[in-house]
Amino acid sequence: MDIIKEPHSNYLSHGHYDFSFSKALIWPIFCLLISWYYWSPYSENFRVTHDLIFNQKEIWRLPLGFFVHGDLNHFLSNSLFLTILGYFIGRTYGNKIVFIGGFVIALGTHALTLLFMKDNISLVGASGLLYGFWGLWFSLYFLIDRYISKTRRLMKIVAISLLLLVPHKFEPNVSYLAHGIGFFLGAGLGIIIFLSKRRLFQSYEKFRYSIDPPYNPAFEALGKDFWKKENIDQESLEDENAKLS
């Protein structure tokens, strides 16, 4: 008798938190409201540069930098995926990851990017946060979805990155450094989340079992302890028992 063990579901198979689509719009709405003031005659009050942050110590400007966008097109280009990723991260990992984790990623990305920029060049936009969310999602997907081989998981991440994240043309007014820093900060946060909740994530791994030949009565001789040890879900066990009755 051969027992075939097949993956059935894991932590990523469904949502775990009550996170509505309207909550996912909070980041874009804040960005739009603050950007609206930036597009007014008071834009100087929203400038975020290396000189202002590190030399003049106006640290209060730092959060404004990732909320503010240069123009409407800049805002719209970030908002779509920021909303979509925010929604899926929120319903899978919770409010704290989207808002507190997102704030840490955005703040860290802006600070580290400005550290390497010239004194008077202003850095604006939530691209670092957006790439941080991608890094967070990719790292947790790679670590949690063990049903698929590491090579296939990596290939999926590379394919999506080439399609959506790697620029197809160079634009001098875009900070690709911010994109890279945001991505790796998000990935790092994802690794920390996984290490702190490894047992929780792996407790959701369920398997379906089949028997070859399917009606072999030796199935019953295995006993309930075997199926409990192998982490089979109750629904699958009942299905197999029904076949033998």
C-alpha atoms as a PDB file:
ATOM      1  CA  MET A   1       0.000   0.000   0.000  1.00  0.00           C
ATOM      2  CA  ASP A   2       1.350   3.393  -0.998  1.00  0.00           C
ATOM      3  CA  ILE A   3       0.212   6.479   0.897  1.00  0.00           C
ATOM      4  CA  ILE A   4       0.367   9.610  -1.237  1.00  0.00           C
ATOM      5  CA  LYS A   5       0.756  12.841   0.718  1.00  0.00           C
ATOM      6  CA  GLU A   6      -0.326  15.966  -1.175  1.00  0.00           C
ATOM      7  CA  PRO A   7      -0.472  19.593   0.004  1.00  0.00           C
ATOM      8  CA  HIS A   8      -3.943  20.891   0.734  1.00  0.00           C
ATOM      9  CA  SER A   9      -3.634  24.366   2.270  1.00  0.00           C
ATOM     10  CA  ASN A  10      -1.323  26.636   4.256  1.00  0.00           C
ATOM     11  CA  TYR A  11      -1.317  30.027   5.944  1.00  0.00           C
ATOM     12  CA  LEU A  12      -1.484  31.865   2.611  1.00  0.00           C
ATOM     13  CA  SER A  13      -4.559  29.963   1.415  1.00  0.00           C
ATOM     14  CA  HIS A  14      -6.997  32.445   2.951  1.00  0.00           C
ATOM     15  CA  GLY A  15      -7.192  35.688   4.916  1.00  0.00           C
ATOM     16  CA  HIS A  16      -6.844  35.814   8.696  1.00  0.00           C
ATOM     17  CA  TYR A  17      -7.773  39.412   9.588  1.00  0.00           C
ATOM     18  CA  ASP A  18     -10.799  41.628   9.072  1.00  0.00           C
ATOM     19  CA  PHE A  19      -9.120  44.135   6.791  1.00  0.00           C
ATOM     20  CA  SER A  20     -11.466  45.948   4.432  1.00  0.00           C
ATOM     21  CA  PHE A  21     -10.544  47.490   1.105  1.00  0.00           C
ATOM     22  CA  SER A  22     -11.358  50.913   2.562  1.00  0.00           C
ATOM     23  CA  LYS A  23      -8.548  50.479   5.102  1.00  0.00           C
ATOM     24  CA  ALA A  24      -6.142  49.796   2.255  1.00  0.00           C
ATOM     25  CA  LEU A  25      -6.998  53.260   0.897  1.00  0.00           C
ATOM     26  CA  ILE A  26      -5.690  55.005   4.023  1.00  0.00           C
ATOM     27  CA  TRP A  27      -2.107  55.237   2.757  1.00  0.00           C
ATOM     28  CA  PRO A  28      -3.096  56.685  -0.656  1.00  0.00           C
ATOM     29  CA  ILE A  29      -5.593  59.112   0.924  1.00  0.00           C
ATOM     30  CA  PHE A  30      -2.952  60.501   3.296  1.00  0.00           C
ATOM     31  CA  CYS A  31      -0.558  60.811   0.383  1.00  0.00           C
ATOM     32  CA  LEU A  32      -3.136  62.699  -1.671  1.00  0.00           C
ATOM     33  CA  LEU A  33      -4.089  65.115   1.122  1.00  0.00           C
ATOM     34  CA  ILE A  34      -0.505  66.045   1.967  1.00  0.00           C
ATOM     35  CA  SER A  35       0.491  66.167  -1.690  1.00  0.00           C
ATOM     36  CA  TRP A  36      -2.375  68.594  -2.321  1.00  0.00           C
ATOM     37  CA  TYR A  37      -0.731  71.090   0.013  1.00  0.00           C
ATOM     38  CA  TYR A  38       2.634  70.403  -1.592  1.00  0.00           C
ATOM     39  CA  TRP A  39       1.196  71.327  -4.989  1.00  0.00           C
ATOM     40  CA  SER A  40       0.092  74.673  -3.524  1.00  0.00           C
ATOM     41  CA  PRO A  41       2.282  77.813  -3.143  1.00  0.00           C
ATOM     42  CA  TYR A  42       3.445  76.441   0.235  1.00  0.00           C
ATOM     43  CA  SER A  43       5.507  73.638  -1.278  1.00  0.00           C
ATOM     44  CA  GLU A  44       8.734  74.917   0.349  1.00  0.00           C
ATOM     45  CA  ASN A  45       7.377  73.815   3.715  1.00  0.00           C
ATOM     46  CA  PHE A  46       7.311  70.227   2.478  1.00  0.00           C
ATOM     47  CA  ARG A  47      10.817  69.966   1.035  1.00  0.00           C
ATOM     48  CA  VAL A  48      12.857  67.042   2.392  1.00  0.00           C
ATOM     49  CA  THR A  49      16.581  67.146   1.629  1.00  0.00           C
ATOM     50  CA  HIS A  50      19.810  65.798   3.097  1.00  0.00           C
ATOM     51  CA  ASP A  51      20.729  69.283   4.286  1.00  0.00           C
ATOM     52  CA  LEU A  52      17.406  69.902   6.054  1.00  0.00           C
ATOM     53  CA  ILE A  53      17.342  66.512   7.781  1.00  0.00           C
ATOM     54  CA  PHE A  54      20.977  65.822   8.673  1.00  0.00           C
ATOM     55  CA  ASN A  55      22.561  69.301   8.829  1.00  0.00           C
ATOM     56  CA  GLN A  56      19.721  71.504  10.039  1.00  0.00           C
ATOM     57  CA  LYS A  57      18.167  68.656  12.091  1.00  0.00           C
ATOM     58  CA  GLU A  58      14.603  69.319  10.906  1.00  0.00           C
ATOM     59  CA  ILE A  59      13.640  65.710  11.508  1.00  0.00           C
ATOM     60  CA  TRP A  60       9.923  66.543  11.505  1.00  0.00           C
ATOM     61  CA  ARG A  61      10.128  66.858   7.728  1.00  0.00           C
ATOM     62  CA  LEU A  62      11.080  63.208   7.239  1.00  0.00           C
ATOM     63  CA  PRO A  63       7.544  61.705   7.380  1.00  0.00           C
ATOM     64  CA  LEU A  64       6.319  64.363   4.951  1.00  0.00           C
ATOM     65  CA  GLY A  65       8.763  63.139   2.341  1.00  0.00           C
ATOM     66  CA  PHE A  66       7.106  59.791   1.688  1.00  0.00           C
ATOM     67  CA  PHE A  67       3.570  61.194   1.808  1.00  0.00           C
ATOM     68  CA  VAL A  68       4.265  63.972  -0.674  1.00  0.00           C
ATOM     69  CA  HIS A  69       4.280  63.261  -4.435  1.00  0.00           C
ATOM     70  CA  GLY A  70       5.677  65.457  -7.174  1.00  0.00           C
ATOM     71  CA  ASP A  71       2.483  65.563  -9.256  1.00  0.00           C
ATOM     72  CA  LEU A  72      -0.767  63.734  -9.866  1.00  0.00           C
ATOM     73  CA  ASN A  73       0.806  61.202 -12.245  1.00  0.00           C
ATOM     74  CA  HIS A  74       3.441  60.379  -9.619  1.00  0.00           C
ATOM     75  CA  PHE A  75       0.710  59.862  -7.036  1.00  0.00           C
ATOM     76  CA  LEU A  76      -1.421  57.657  -9.293  1.00  0.00           C
ATOM     77  CA  SER A  77       1.530  55.491 -10.335  1.00  0.00           C
ATOM     78  CA  ASN A  78       2.135  54.535  -6.682  1.00  0.00           C
ATOM     79  CA  SER A  79      -1.453  54.395  -5.441  1.00  0.00           C
ATOM     80  CA  LEU A  80      -2.747  51.414  -7.407  1.00  0.00           C
ATOM     81  CA  PHE A  81      -0.287  48.799  -6.163  1.00  0.00           C
ATOM     82  CA  LEU A  82       0.016  50.484  -2.765  1.00  0.00           C
ATOM     83  CA  THR A  83      -3.712  49.885  -2.294  1.00  0.00           C
ATOM     84  CA  ILE A  84      -3.698  46.334  -3.674  1.00  0.00           C
ATOM     85  CA  LEU A  85      -0.641  45.215  -1.706  1.00  0.00           C
ATOM     86  CA  GLY A  86      -1.880  46.981   1.421  1.00  0.00           C
ATOM     87  CA  TYR A  87      -5.155  45.072   1.191  1.00  0.00           C
ATOM     88  CA  PHE A  88      -3.586  41.627   0.794  1.00  0.00           C
ATOM     89  CA  ILE A  89      -0.923  42.247   3.436  1.00  0.00           C
ATOM     90  CA  GLY A  90      -3.577  43.553   5.823  1.00  0.00           C
ATOM     91  CA  ARG A  91      -5.972  40.623   5.434  1.00  0.00           C
ATOM     92  CA  THR A  92      -3.096  38.136   5.700  1.00  0.00           C
ATOM     93  CA  TYR A  93      -0.860  39.667   8.386  1.00  0.00           C
ATOM     94  CA  GLY A  94      -2.946  42.377  10.066  1.00  0.00           C
ATOM     95  CA  ASN A  95      -3.286  46.133  10.576  1.00  0.00           C
ATOM     96  CA  LYS A  96      -0.036  46.548  12.485  1.00  0.00           C
ATOM     97  CA  ILE A  97       2.061  45.233   9.614  1.00  0.00           C
ATOM     98  CA  VAL A  98       0.384  47.544   7.082  1.00  0.00           C
ATOM     99  CA  PHE A  99       0.474  50.726   9.141  1.00  0.00           C
ATOM    100  CA  ILE A 100       3.178  50.438  11.814  1.00  0.00           C
ATOM    101  CA  GLY A 101       5.416  48.188   9.736  1.00  0.00           C
ATOM    102  CA  GLY A 102       4.723  50.315   6.662  1.00  0.00           C
ATOM    103  CA  PHE A 103       5.598  53.513   8.538  1.00  0.00           C
ATOM    104  CA  VAL A 104       8.906  52.028   9.715  1.00  0.00           C
ATOM    105  CA  ILE A 105       9.757  50.896   6.169  1.00  0.00           C
ATOM    106  CA  ALA A 106       8.870  54.274   4.661  1.00  0.00           C
ATOM    107  CA  LEU A 107      10.726  56.264   7.332  1.00  0.00           C
ATOM    108  CA  GLY A 108      13.803  54.054   7.142  1.00  0.00           C
ATOM    109  CA  THR A 109      13.853  54.140   3.344  1.00  0.00           C
ATOM    110  CA  HIS A 110      13.636  57.919   3.219  1.00  0.00           C
ATOM    111  CA  ALA A 111      16.308  58.444   5.873  1.00  0.00           C
ATOM    112  CA  LEU A 112      18.784  55.984   4.352  1.00  0.00           C
ATOM    113  CA  THR A 113      18.245  57.274   0.822  1.00  0.00           C
ATOM    114  CA  LEU A 114      18.724  60.913   1.852  1.00  0.00           C
ATOM    115  CA  LEU A 115      21.928  59.905   3.621  1.00  0.00           C
ATOM    116  CA  PHE A 116      23.487  59.165   0.219  1.00  0.00           C
ATOM    117  CA  MET A 117      21.977  62.107  -1.688  1.00  0.00           C
ATOM    118  CA  LYS A 118      23.369  65.568  -2.323  1.00  0.00           C
ATOM    119  CA  ASP A 119      22.456  68.287   0.161  1.00  0.00           C
ATOM    120  CA  ASN A 120      19.822  70.201  -1.797  1.00  0.00           C
ATOM    121  CA  ILE A 121      18.058  67.477  -3.775  1.00  0.00           C
ATOM    122  CA  SER A 122      14.547  66.824  -2.469  1.00  0.00           C
ATOM    123  CA  LEU A 123      13.217  63.270  -2.151  1.00  0.00           C
ATOM    124  CA  VAL A 124       9.455  62.773  -2.319  1.00  0.00           C
ATOM    125  CA  GLY A 125       7.062  59.892  -2.909  1.00  0.00           C
ATOM    126  CA  ALA A 126       5.898  56.584  -1.439  1.00  0.00           C
ATOM    127  CA  SER A 127       7.821  54.432  -3.917  1.00  0.00           C
ATOM    128  CA  GLY A 128      10.084  53.203  -1.121  1.00  0.00           C
ATOM    129  CA  LEU A 129       7.037  52.068   0.862  1.00  0.00           C
ATOM    130  CA  LEU A 130       5.561  50.401  -2.220  1.00  0.00           C
ATOM    131  CA  TYR A 131       8.762  48.467  -2.916  1.00  0.00           C
ATOM    132  CA  GLY A 132       8.954  47.678   0.795  1.00  0.00           C
ATOM    133  CA  PHE A 133       5.528  46.060   0.618  1.00  0.00           C
ATOM    134  CA  TRP A 134       6.706  44.001  -2.369  1.00  0.00           C
ATOM    135  CA  GLY A 135       9.797  42.890  -0.452  1.00  0.00           C
ATOM    136  CA  LEU A 136       7.693  42.006   2.588  1.00  0.00           C
ATOM    137  CA  TRP A 137       5.219  39.959   0.538  1.00  0.00           C
ATOM    138  CA  PHE A 138       7.926  38.166  -1.453  1.00  0.00           C
ATOM    139  CA  SER A 139      10.005  37.202   1.578  1.00  0.00           C
ATOM    140  CA  LEU A 140       7.037  35.837   3.514  1.00  0.00           C
ATOM    141  CA  TYR A 141       5.749  33.981   0.457  1.00  0.00           C
ATOM    142  CA  PHE A 142       9.153  32.373  -0.050  1.00  0.00           C
ATOM    143  CA  LEU A 143       9.407  31.317   3.602  1.00  0.00           C
ATOM    144  CA  ILE A 144       5.810  30.176   4.162  1.00  0.00           C
ATOM    145  CA  ASP A 145       4.794  28.403   0.950  1.00  0.00           C
ATOM    146  CA  ARG A 146       6.930  25.291   1.396  1.00  0.00           C
ATOM    147  CA  TYR A 147       4.680  23.184  -0.835  1.00  0.00           C
ATOM    148  CA  ILE A 148       6.512  24.561  -3.851  1.00  0.00           C
ATOM    149  CA  SER A 149      10.239  23.970  -4.361  1.00  0.00           C
ATOM    150  CA  LYS A 150      12.604  26.820  -3.506  1.00  0.00           C
ATOM    151  CA  THR A 151      13.640  27.090  -7.150  1.00  0.00           C
ATOM    152  CA  ARG A 152      10.053  27.555  -8.350  1.00  0.00           C
ATOM    153  CA  ARG A 153       9.305  30.060  -5.583  1.00  0.00           C
ATOM    154  CA  LEU A 154      12.386  32.054  -6.522  1.00  0.00           C
ATOM    155  CA  MET A 155      11.510  31.911 -10.214  1.00  0.00           C
ATOM    156  CA  LYS A 156       8.036  33.306  -9.489  1.00  0.00           C
ATOM    157  CA  ILE A 157       9.501  36.175  -7.483  1.00  0.00           C
ATOM    158  CA  VAL A 158      12.049  36.971 -10.196  1.00  0.00           C
ATOM    159  CA  ALA A 159       9.390  36.835 -12.937  1.00  0.00           C
ATOM    160  CA  ILE A 160       7.029  39.222 -11.122  1.00  0.00           C
ATOM    161  CA  SER A 161       9.926  41.534 -10.258  1.00  0.00           C
ATOM    162  CA  LEU A 162      11.073  41.702 -13.885  1.00  0.00           C
ATOM    163  CA  LEU A 163       7.516  42.389 -15.020  1.00  0.00           C
ATOM    164  CA  LEU A 164       6.459  44.963 -12.422  1.00  0.00           C
ATOM    165  CA  LEU A 165       9.445  46.257 -10.452  1.00  0.00           C
ATOM    166  CA  VAL A 166      12.445  46.508 -12.768  1.00  0.00           C
ATOM    167  CA  PRO A 167      12.242  49.752 -14.807  1.00  0.00           C
ATOM    168  CA  HIS A 168      12.056  49.392 -18.577  1.00  0.00           C
ATOM    169  CA  LYS A 169      13.685  52.757 -19.133  1.00  0.00           C
ATOM    170  CA  PHE A 170      15.913  55.045 -17.094  1.00  0.00           C
ATOM    171  CA  GLU A 171      14.353  58.242 -15.701  1.00  0.00           C
ATOM    172  CA  PRO A 172      16.796  60.735 -14.149  1.00  0.00           C
ATOM    173  CA  ASN A 173      14.221  62.127 -11.688  1.00  0.00           C
ATOM    174  CA  VAL A 174      13.514  58.692 -10.138  1.00  0.00           C
ATOM    175  CA  SER A 175      15.457  57.475  -7.096  1.00  0.00           C
ATOM    176  CA  TYR A 176      16.144  53.821  -7.838  1.00  0.00           C
ATOM    177  CA  LEU A 177      18.214  53.751  -4.665  1.00  0.00           C
ATOM    178  CA  ALA A 178      15.023  54.379  -2.665  1.00  0.00           C
ATOM    179  CA  HIS A 179      13.326  51.500  -4.489  1.00  0.00           C
ATOM    180  CA  GLY A 180      16.162  49.128  -3.627  1.00  0.00           C
ATOM    181  CA  ILE A 181      16.448  50.211  -0.002  1.00  0.00           C
ATOM    182  CA  GLY A 182      12.681  49.961   0.472  1.00  0.00           C
ATOM    183  CA  PHE A 183      12.581  46.481  -1.053  1.00  0.00           C
ATOM    184  CA  PHE A 184      15.331  45.124   1.208  1.00  0.00           C
ATOM    185  CA  LEU A 185      13.904  46.773   4.326  1.00  0.00           C
ATOM    186  CA  GLY A 186      10.535  45.196   3.562  1.00  0.00           C
ATOM    187  CA  ALA A 187      12.150  41.814   2.928  1.00  0.00           C
ATOM    188  CA  GLY A 188      14.043  42.124   6.207  1.00  0.00           C
ATOM    189  CA  LEU A 189      10.836  42.904   8.087  1.00  0.00           C
ATOM    190  CA  GLY A 190       9.227  39.875   6.451  1.00  0.00           C
ATOM    191  CA  ILE A 191      12.039  37.631   7.696  1.00  0.00           C
ATOM    192  CA  ILE A 192      11.642  39.014  11.225  1.00  0.00           C
ATOM    193  CA  ILE A 193       7.876  38.379  11.124  1.00  0.00           C
ATOM    194  CA  PHE A 194       8.426  34.823   9.909  1.00  0.00           C
ATOM    195  CA  LEU A 195      11.002  34.012  12.579  1.00  0.00           C
ATOM    196  CA  SER A 196       8.745  35.376  15.306  1.00  0.00           C
ATOM    197  CA  LYS A 197       5.661  33.470  14.060  1.00  0.00           C
ATOM    198  CA  ARG A 198       7.194  30.405  12.439  1.00  0.00           C
ATOM    199  CA  ARG A 199       5.180  27.920  14.501  1.00  0.00           C
ATOM    200  CA  LEU A 200       1.923  29.763  13.817  1.00  0.00           C
ATOM    201  CA  PHE A 201       2.531  29.818  10.066  1.00  0.00           C
ATOM    202  CA  GLN A 202       3.519  26.158   9.913  1.00  0.00           C
ATOM    203  CA  SER A 203       0.546  25.083  12.038  1.00  0.00           C
ATOM    204  CA  TYR A 204      -1.696  25.943   9.067  1.00  0.00           C
ATOM    205  CA  GLU A 205       0.000  23.418   6.790  1.00  0.00           C
ATOM    206  CA  LYS A 206      -2.552  20.724   5.939  1.00  0.00           C
ATOM    207  CA  PHE A 207      -2.244  17.726   3.650  1.00  0.00           C
ATOM    208  CA  ARG A 208      -4.531  15.400   1.744  1.00  0.00           C
ATOM    209  CA  TYR A 209      -3.794  11.703   1.701  1.00  0.00           C
ATOM    210  CA  SER A 210      -4.688   9.131  -0.882  1.00  0.00           C
ATOM    211  CA  ILE A 211      -4.050   5.420  -0.987  1.00  0.00           C
ATOM    212  CA  ASP A 212      -2.900   3.309  -3.900  1.00  0.00           C
ATOM    213  CA  PRO A 213      -4.851   1.075  -4.320  1.00  0.00           C
ATOM    214  CA  PRO A 214      -7.622   3.396  -3.011  1.00  0.00           C
ATOM    215  CA  TYR A 215      -9.765   0.721  -1.350  1.00  0.00           C
ATOM    216  CA  ASN A 216      -7.064  -1.152   0.502  1.00  0.00           C
ATOM    217  CA  PRO A 217      -8.462  -2.068   3.982  1.00  0.00           C
ATOM    218  CA  ALA A 218      -4.967  -1.689   5.429  1.00  0.00           C
ATOM    219  CA  PHE A 219      -5.852   2.008   5.661  1.00  0.00           C
ATOM    220  CA  GLU A 220      -7.752   1.340   8.889  1.00  0.00           C
ATOM    221  CA  ALA A 221      -4.786  -0.451  10.450  1.00  0.00           C
ATOM    222  CA  LEU A 222      -2.829   2.795  10.531  1.00  0.00           C
ATOM    223  CA  GLY A 223      -5.059   4.137  13.272  1.00  0.00           C
ATOM    224  CA  LYS A 224      -5.950   7.704  14.217  1.00  0.00           C
ATOM    225  CA  ASP A 225      -2.571   8.376  15.819  1.00  0.00           C
ATOM    226  CA  PHE A 226      -0.853   8.160  12.421  1.00  0.00           C
ATOM    227  CA  TRP A 227      -3.147  10.700  10.827  1.00  0.00           C
ATOM    228  CA  LYS A 228      -2.873  13.037  13.793  1.00  0.00           C
ATOM    229  CA  LYS A 229       0.917  12.807  13.674  1.00  0.00           C
ATOM    230  CA  GLU A 230       0.946  13.485   9.927  1.00  0.00           C
ATOM    231  CA  ASN A 231      -1.204  16.598  10.404  1.00  0.00           C
ATOM    232  CA  ILE A 232      -3.990  15.512   8.066  1.00  0.00           C
ATOM    233  CA  ASP A 233      -7.072  17.720   8.157  1.00  0.00           C
ATOM    234  CA  GLN A 234     -10.289  16.180   9.437  1.00  0.00           C
ATOM    235  CA  GLU A 235     -12.171  16.732   6.184  1.00  0.00           C
ATOM    236  CA  SER A 236      -9.694  14.661   4.196  1.00  0.00           C
ATOM    237  CA  LEU A 237      -9.706  11.882   6.780  1.00  0.00           C
ATOM    238  CA  GLU A 238     -13.466  11.645   6.626  1.00  0.00           C
ATOM    239  CA  ASP A 239     -13.347  11.531   2.834  1.00  0.00           C
ATOM    240  CA  GLU A 240     -10.924   8.625   2.862  1.00  0.00           C
ATOM    241  CA  ASN A 241     -12.919   6.794   5.528  1.00  0.00           C
ATOM    242  CA  ALA A 242     -16.049   7.192   3.392  1.00  0.00           C
ATOM    243  CA  LYS A 243     -14.314   5.501   0.488  1.00  0.00           C
ATOM    244  CA  LEU A 244     -13.567   2.454   2.646  1.00  0.00           C
ATOM    245  CA  SER A 245     -17.035   2.060   4.155  1.00  0.00           C
END
